[in-house]
Amino acid sequence: MASSVVGSLVVRLSAHTAAFSKGLKRARKTTGAFVTGVAKRFGGMFKKMLLSATVAATGIAVLVKRQMAMIDTTTKTAVKLGIATKELSRWHYAAKLSGLATTTFDMALQRMV
């Protein structure tokens, strides 16, 4: 199929964009103010969340350190007494239930052995 040009059309388009540009600038200012406000609010919230996470992580680290020290003490005491660590832990639990401190129980148990 052969193509041929039937005619041509020239369109000249002009627009008055002053009002549009002015509205666009106003929209940019409003959007910029909104973004700045959101950044300030969320920035403060992010700092609070970061602080909370740091405090929580520190608390967990202290808890783990204390637990590790307790495990170490229990293991050393079990070795000294010649009984299994699991069994000594059970005895410690029973001592706590009866209101006896584990250190007091350990001393009494050492004197018995």
Protein backbone atom coordinates (compact mmCIF):
# COMPACT_ATOMS: atom_id res chain seq x y z
CA MET A 1 0.00 0.00 0.00
CA ALA A 2 1.47 3.27 -1.07
CA SER A 3 1.34 6.25 1.24
CA SER A 4 0.81 9.73 0.02
CA VAL A 5 0.47 13.08 1.75
CA VAL A 6 -2.98 14.46 1.42
CA GLY A 7 -2.29 17.71 3.19
CA SER A 8 -0.43 19.28 6.08
CA LEU A 9 -1.57 20.99 9.18
CA VAL A 10 0.39 23.59 11.09
CA VAL A 11 -0.84 24.40 14.56
CA ARG A 12 0.40 27.34 16.54
CA LEU A 13 -0.30 26.92 20.22
CA SER A 14 0.20 29.61 22.81
CA ALA A 15 -0.85 29.78 26.41
CA HIS A 16 -0.91 32.34 29.13
CA THR A 17 1.01 30.54 31.86
CA ALA A 18 1.56 33.35 34.36
CA ALA A 19 -1.32 32.28 36.63
CA PHE A 20 -0.29 28.63 36.34
CA SER A 21 3.34 29.45 37.28
CA LYS A 22 2.19 31.51 40.24
CA GLY A 23 0.01 28.65 41.48
CA LEU A 24 2.85 26.19 40.99
CA LYS A 25 5.20 28.34 43.10
CA ARG A 26 2.55 28.55 45.83
CA ALA A 27 2.15 24.77 45.74
CA ARG A 28 5.91 24.30 46.05
CA LYS A 29 6.04 26.55 49.12
CA THR A 30 3.13 24.74 50.75
CA THR A 31 4.61 21.33 49.99
CA GLY A 32 8.03 22.43 51.25
CA ALA A 33 6.53 23.67 54.51
CA PHE A 34 4.62 20.41 54.92
CA VAL A 35 7.72 18.29 54.28
CA THR A 36 9.76 20.39 56.72
CA GLY A 37 7.09 20.03 59.40
CA VAL A 38 6.85 16.28 58.91
CA ALA A 39 10.62 15.93 59.03
CA LYS A 40 10.77 17.85 62.31
CA ARG A 41 8.03 15.78 63.90
CA PHE A 42 9.31 12.43 62.70
CA GLY A 43 12.92 13.43 63.35
CA GLY A 44 12.09 13.96 67.02
CA MET A 45 10.14 10.72 67.12
CA PHE A 46 13.04 8.88 65.49
CA LYS A 47 15.42 10.21 68.15
CA LYS A 48 13.06 9.04 70.90
CA MET A 49 12.73 5.62 69.30
CA LEU A 50 16.51 5.37 68.97
CA LEU A 51 16.95 6.34 72.63
CA SER A 52 14.35 3.77 73.69
CA ALA A 53 16.05 1.06 71.66
CA THR A 54 19.42 1.97 73.20
CA VAL A 55 17.99 1.79 76.72
CA ALA A 56 16.35 -1.56 75.95
CA ALA A 57 19.57 -2.97 74.47
CA THR A 58 21.53 -1.80 77.51
CA GLY A 59 19.01 -3.43 79.83
CA ILE A 60 19.20 -6.69 77.92
CA ALA A 61 23.02 -6.58 77.99
CA VAL A 62 22.99 -6.11 81.78
CA LEU A 63 20.50 -8.95 82.17
CA VAL A 64 22.60 -11.29 80.02
CA LYS A 65 25.77 -10.35 81.93
CA ARG A 66 24.10 -11.11 85.28
CA GLN A 67 22.72 -14.39 83.95
CA MET A 68 26.16 -15.42 82.68
CA ALA A 69 27.68 -14.61 86.08
CA MET A 70 24.99 -16.69 87.79
CA ILE A 71 25.62 -19.61 85.43
CA ASP A 72 29.35 -19.38 86.10
CA THR A 73 28.83 -19.35 89.86
CA THR A 74 26.43 -22.29 89.69
CA THR A 75 28.86 -24.29 87.54
CA LYS A 76 31.80 -23.63 89.87
CA THR A 77 29.74 -24.53 92.93
CA ALA A 78 28.48 -27.73 91.28
CA VAL A 79 32.04 -28.75 90.43
CA LYS A 80 33.16 -27.97 93.98
CA LEU A 81 30.33 -30.08 95.44
CA GLY A 82 30.69 -32.86 92.90
CA ILE A 83 27.09 -32.79 91.66
CA ALA A 84 25.53 -32.01 88.29
CA THR A 85 24.78 -28.37 87.47
CA LYS A 86 21.20 -29.24 86.56
CA GLU A 87 20.67 -30.88 89.95
CA LEU A 88 22.18 -27.92 91.80
CA SER A 89 19.90 -25.59 89.84
CA ARG A 90 16.91 -27.63 91.01
CA TRP A 91 18.12 -27.39 94.60
CA HIS A 92 18.57 -23.62 94.19
CA TYR A 93 15.00 -23.32 92.95
CA ALA A 94 13.73 -25.28 95.95
CA ALA A 95 15.80 -23.08 98.28
CA LYS A 96 14.32 -19.93 96.73
CA LEU A 97 10.80 -21.30 97.13
CA SER A 98 11.44 -21.87 100.81
CA GLY A 99 12.81 -18.35 101.25
CA LEU A 100 16.46 -19.33 101.56
CA ALA A 101 19.16 -17.42 99.67
CA THR A 102 21.16 -19.54 97.26
CA THR A 103 24.45 -18.44 98.81
CA THR A 104 23.26 -19.60 102.23
CA PHE A 105 22.09 -22.88 100.73
CA ASP A 106 25.43 -23.37 98.96
CA MET A 107 27.37 -22.80 102.20
CA ALA A 108 25.15 -25.27 104.07
CA LEU A 109 25.54 -27.82 101.31
CA GLN A 110 29.35 -27.40 101.31
CA ARG A 111 29.45 -28.02 105.04
CA MET A 112 27.41 -31.18 104.61
CA VAL A 113 29.66 -32.60 101.90
